[in-house]
Protein backbone atom coordinates (compact mmCIF):
# COMPACT_ATOMS: atom_id res chain seq x y z
CA UNK A 1 238.20 58.08 202.14
CA UNK A 2 239.00 55.32 199.65
CA UNK A 3 237.22 54.02 196.55
CA UNK A 4 237.61 52.02 193.36
CA UNK A 5 235.46 50.85 190.44
CA UNK A 6 234.36 47.30 189.68
CA UNK A 7 232.11 45.73 187.05
CA UNK A 8 229.87 42.66 186.94
CA UNK A 9 230.42 40.12 184.16
CA UNK A 10 227.01 38.54 183.51
CA UNK A 11 228.32 35.58 181.51
CA UNK A 12 230.88 34.47 184.11
CA UNK A 13 228.78 35.62 187.09
CA UNK A 14 231.79 37.40 188.57
CA UNK A 15 232.77 40.86 189.71
CA UNK A 16 235.96 42.22 188.19
CA UNK A 17 238.14 45.29 188.32
CA UNK A 18 241.18 46.62 186.48
CA UNK A 19 244.39 48.41 187.49
CA UNK A 20 243.25 51.19 185.15
CA UNK A 21 240.44 52.27 187.48
CA UNK A 22 241.43 50.72 190.80
CA UNK A 23 244.62 52.68 191.38
CA UNK A 24 245.74 52.51 194.97
CA UNK A 25 246.67 56.19 195.18
CA UNK A 26 243.43 57.45 193.59
CA UNK A 27 239.75 57.79 194.39
CA UNK A 28 237.51 56.60 191.55
CA UNK A 29 233.74 57.11 191.49
CA UNK A 30 230.61 57.82 189.37
CA UNK A 31 231.10 55.34 186.49
CA UNK A 32 228.99 55.75 183.35
CA UNK A 33 229.07 53.77 180.09
CA UNK A 34 228.92 55.36 176.66
CA UNK A 35 225.81 54.15 174.77
CA UNK A 36 227.87 51.83 172.55
CA UNK A 37 229.67 50.27 175.52
CA UNK A 38 233.06 51.23 174.11
CA UNK A 39 234.02 53.76 176.76
CA UNK A 40 233.67 53.99 180.53
CA UNK A 41 233.60 57.51 181.95
CA UNK A 42 234.23 58.24 185.62
CA UNK A 43 235.59 60.78 188.11
CA UNK A 44 239.01 60.35 189.74
CA UNK A 45 241.18 62.28 192.18
CA UNK A 46 244.55 61.67 193.78
CA UNK A 47 244.25 60.83 197.49
CA UNK A 48 245.85 63.68 199.50
CA UNK A 49 245.72 61.93 202.90
CA UNK A 50 247.87 59.06 204.12
CA UNK A 51 245.62 57.53 206.77
CA UNK A 52 242.59 55.93 205.07
CA UNK A 53 241.10 54.85 208.40
CA UNK A 54 240.67 58.38 209.75
CA UNK A 55 238.31 61.05 208.49
CA UNK A 56 240.49 63.68 206.80
CA UNK A 57 240.40 67.32 207.94
CA UNK A 58 238.22 69.85 206.14
CA UNK A 59 241.19 71.62 204.60
CA UNK A 60 241.52 68.81 202.02
CA UNK A 61 239.58 70.33 199.12
CA UNK A 62 239.75 67.33 196.80
CA UNK A 63 239.05 68.05 193.12
CA UNK A 64 238.15 65.29 190.67
CA UNK A 65 239.14 64.95 187.02
CA UNK A 66 236.73 63.51 184.48
CA UNK A 67 238.32 60.43 182.93
CA UNK A 68 237.48 57.79 180.37
CA UNK A 69 238.96 54.46 179.29
CA UNK A 70 238.20 52.47 176.15
CA UNK A 71 236.85 48.95 176.51
CA UNK A 72 237.18 45.95 174.16
CA UNK A 73 233.87 44.15 174.53
CA UNK A 74 234.93 41.03 172.61
CA UNK A 75 238.10 40.45 174.66
CA UNK A 76 236.97 42.00 177.95
CA UNK A 77 240.09 44.18 178.04
CA UNK A 78 240.74 47.81 178.92
CA UNK A 79 242.78 50.45 177.11
CA UNK A 80 244.56 53.59 178.26
CA UNK A 81 243.20 56.31 180.51
CA UNK A 82 242.27 59.65 178.97
CA UNK A 83 241.57 62.89 180.80
CA UNK A 84 238.36 64.41 179.46
CA UNK A 85 238.11 67.38 181.85
CA UNK A 86 241.06 68.37 184.02
CA UNK A 87 240.46 69.92 187.45
CA UNK A 88 243.85 71.62 187.10
CA UNK A 89 242.58 73.50 184.05
CA UNK A 90 239.10 74.30 185.33
CA UNK A 91 239.89 74.76 189.03
CA UNK A 92 236.74 72.73 189.72
CA UNK A 93 235.76 69.18 190.64
CA UNK A 94 234.11 67.29 187.73
CA UNK A 95 231.48 64.73 188.74
CA UNK A 96 228.56 62.54 187.65
CA UNK A 97 229.20 62.05 183.91
CA UNK A 98 226.18 61.00 181.82
CA UNK A 99 226.38 60.52 178.05
CA UNK A 100 223.44 61.24 175.77
CA UNK A 101 221.97 58.11 174.11
CA UNK A 102 222.98 59.45 170.69
CA UNK A 103 226.58 59.63 171.94
CA UNK A 104 226.97 63.30 171.01
CA UNK A 105 227.12 65.05 174.37
CA UNK A 106 228.39 64.58 177.91
CA UNK A 107 226.42 66.10 180.77
CA UNK A 108 228.14 66.44 184.14
CA UNK A 109 228.49 68.57 187.29
CA UNK A 110 231.33 70.82 188.33
CA UNK A 111 231.67 72.16 191.86
CA UNK A 112 234.34 74.03 193.81
CA UNK A 113 235.55 70.77 195.38
CA UNK A 114 234.43 67.38 196.67
CA UNK A 115 232.59 64.35 195.31
CA UNK A 116 229.00 64.99 196.43
CA UNK A 117 227.66 67.99 194.48
CA UNK A 118 224.16 67.92 195.95
CA UNK A 119 225.66 69.27 199.20
CA UNK A 120 227.69 71.97 197.44
CA UNK A 121 225.84 75.10 196.37
CA UNK A 122 228.54 75.82 193.75
CA UNK A 123 227.58 72.70 191.77
CA UNK A 124 226.43 73.52 188.22
CA UNK A 125 225.57 71.49 185.13
CA UNK A 126 227.98 71.53 182.17
CA UNK A 127 227.70 70.12 178.67
CA UNK A 128 230.59 68.87 176.54
CA UNK A 129 230.29 68.23 172.80
CA UNK A 130 231.90 64.84 172.16
CA UNK A 131 231.84 65.24 168.39
CA UNK A 132 234.01 68.37 168.28
CA UNK A 133 237.75 68.04 168.73
CA UNK A 134 239.22 70.10 171.60
CA UNK A 135 235.70 70.96 172.75
CA UNK A 136 235.42 72.80 176.08
CA UNK A 137 232.71 72.35 178.74
CA UNK A 138 229.87 74.86 178.51
CA UNK A 139 228.09 75.98 181.66
CA UNK A 140 224.37 75.68 180.99
CA UNK A 141 222.19 78.76 181.35
CA UNK A 142 219.62 76.77 183.33
CA UNK A 143 221.80 76.72 186.46
CA UNK A 144 220.80 78.60 189.61
CA UNK A 145 222.64 79.97 192.67
CA UNK A 146 221.95 76.69 194.47
CA UNK A 147 223.11 73.14 193.79
CA UNK A 148 222.30 71.31 190.56
CA UNK A 149 223.03 67.56 190.40
CA UNK A 150 221.67 64.04 189.72
CA UNK A 151 220.88 64.39 186.01
CA UNK A 152 220.07 62.16 183.05
CA UNK A 153 218.97 62.25 179.40
CA UNK A 154 215.78 61.10 177.76
CA UNK A 155 216.01 58.24 175.25
CA UNK A 156 215.97 60.68 172.30
CA UNK A 157 218.71 62.88 173.84
CA UNK A 158 216.45 65.95 173.66
CA UNK A 159 215.40 66.25 177.31
CA UNK A 160 217.22 66.20 180.62
CA UNK A 161 215.93 65.89 184.16
CA UNK A 162 218.01 67.03 187.14
CA UNK A 163 217.81 67.72 190.86
CA UNK A 164 217.95 71.33 191.99
CA UNK A 165 217.81 73.19 195.31
CA UNK A 166 216.85 76.46 193.62
CA UNK A 167 213.49 76.80 195.37
CA UNK A 168 214.38 76.51 199.04
CA UNK A 169 218.09 75.75 199.26
CA UNK A 170 217.29 72.67 201.37
CA UNK A 171 215.12 70.17 199.49
CA UNK A 172 215.99 69.07 195.97
CA UNK A 173 213.23 69.19 193.37
CA UNK A 174 213.24 67.67 189.90
CA UNK A 175 213.44 70.00 186.92
CA UNK A 176 213.09 69.17 183.23
CA UNK A 177 214.76 71.05 180.37
CA UNK A 178 214.73 70.71 176.59
CA UNK A 179 218.09 70.39 174.77
CA UNK A 180 217.97 71.46 171.12
CA UNK A 181 220.16 70.19 168.27
CA UNK A 182 222.80 72.86 168.96
CA UNK A 183 223.10 71.75 172.59
CA UNK A 184 221.29 74.76 174.04
CA UNK A 185 219.32 74.06 177.22
CA UNK A 186 215.93 75.80 177.39
CA UNK A 187 214.02 77.16 180.37
CA UNK A 188 213.50 74.36 182.91
CA UNK A 189 210.19 73.56 184.57
CA UNK A 190 209.54 71.68 187.78
CA UNK A 191 208.24 68.11 187.57
CA UNK A 192 204.43 68.57 187.40
CA UNK A 193 202.20 67.17 190.13
CA UNK A 194 198.44 66.56 190.18
CA UNK A 195 198.07 69.08 193.00
CA UNK A 196 199.66 72.45 192.11
CA UNK A 197 200.40 73.12 195.81
CA UNK A 198 202.15 69.75 196.28
CA UNK A 199 205.64 71.19 196.78
CA UNK A 200 204.48 73.75 199.36
CA UNK A 201 203.94 70.98 201.93
CA UNK A 202 206.34 68.29 200.65
CA UNK A 203 209.19 67.74 203.12
CA UNK A 204 210.85 65.02 201.06
CA UNK A 205 213.79 65.44 198.73
CA UNK A 206 214.16 64.12 195.16
CA UNK A 207 217.35 62.69 193.65
CA UNK A 208 218.76 60.15 191.14
CA UNK A 209 215.96 60.62 188.58
CA UNK A 210 215.78 58.43 185.47
CA UNK A 211 213.63 59.20 182.44
CA UNK A 212 211.94 56.03 181.14
CA UNK A 213 209.67 55.24 178.20
CA UNK A 214 207.03 53.21 180.07
CA UNK A 215 205.57 52.52 183.51
CA UNK A 216 207.49 50.45 186.06
CA UNK A 217 206.04 46.93 185.84
CA UNK A 218 206.86 45.87 189.43
CA UNK A 219 205.13 47.27 192.51
CA UNK A 220 206.94 48.72 195.52
CA UNK A 221 206.00 45.63 197.55
CA UNK A 222 207.37 43.29 194.86
CA UNK A 223 210.68 45.14 194.71
CA UNK A 224 210.99 45.23 198.49
CA UNK A 225 210.09 41.53 198.71
CA UNK A 226 212.81 40.64 196.20
CA UNK A 227 215.41 42.62 198.12
CA UNK A 228 214.46 41.05 201.44
CA UNK A 229 214.05 37.54 200.03
CA UNK A 230 216.20 34.70 201.35
CA UNK A 231 217.07 33.76 197.76
CA UNK A 232 220.53 35.08 196.85
CA UNK A 233 222.67 35.18 193.75
CA UNK A 234 226.12 33.91 194.70
CA UNK A 235 228.84 35.85 192.91
CA UNK A 236 232.56 35.24 192.54
CA UNK A 237 234.08 38.42 193.95
CA UNK A 238 237.89 38.49 193.69
CA UNK A 239 238.11 41.89 195.36
CA UNK A 240 237.65 43.07 198.92
CA UNK A 241 236.75 46.45 200.33
CA UNK A 242 240.44 47.29 200.24
CA UNK A 243 241.85 48.87 197.08
CA UNK A 244 243.74 46.33 194.92
CA UNK A 245 247.48 46.65 194.53
CA UNK A 246 248.91 48.76 191.73
CA UNK A 247 249.85 45.64 189.77
CA UNK A 248 246.20 44.54 189.67
CA UNK A 249 246.58 41.59 192.04
CA UNK A 250 244.06 41.07 194.79
CA UNK A 251 242.98 38.46 197.29
CA UNK A 252 240.69 35.89 195.67
CA UNK A 253 237.48 34.99 197.49
CA UNK A 254 235.89 31.66 196.49
CA UNK A 255 232.50 31.81 194.80
CA UNK A 256 229.64 31.70 197.25
CA UNK A 257 231.36 33.62 200.04
CA UNK A 258 230.02 36.93 198.79
CA UNK A 259 226.41 37.80 198.02
């Protein structure tokens, strides 16, 4: 019903935001950095309802634009907003931007409406060439009649993994596809398992996959123990759950009051 973006400054141990992506009259979500850290991509939509404390009726078919803003790393300052993909032009809601590590392509979802494509069977994967001027999104041939979402690139920008409901329409499974130098996506295959019949009895769903170049060094118990530990990192958080004012001002909360 209401959302904004914020970022964590490691050097100052503080959480910050900007009027550029914390606009009071907009919903902002799904942030993603470009590999060089010079651009922040995200989805944004104007809020059509007035009461942010009441669940809006179903007839609000919110459609998100795909935006980006340039970032000055040295001065920690933000530039002007740019519209990368307009919902007015496409008639669709653009979501979940992910940029290839080589910086050449932008992979994202487009669905008929909404901000959660995994629940929308119209959600498909699209690819945008960032090197070509006035490039238009291309719907990938690897899409199915069911929802495609939660995607990412490999470190060499040649492979993608994504969640799909193509098999049963209920549970998402992970599929892998090769992307050639021309940006063509090749026939996807399901994430292999030791037991070929694994998916026939698996009642769990897969999402938010990340391709990595090595094994995870921490065990499940170690990660869970860290999360549940009494040790906390105190962070200066000058924002609240409420959207900051249009002029960028917000209520300051002293360091140590937020964890």
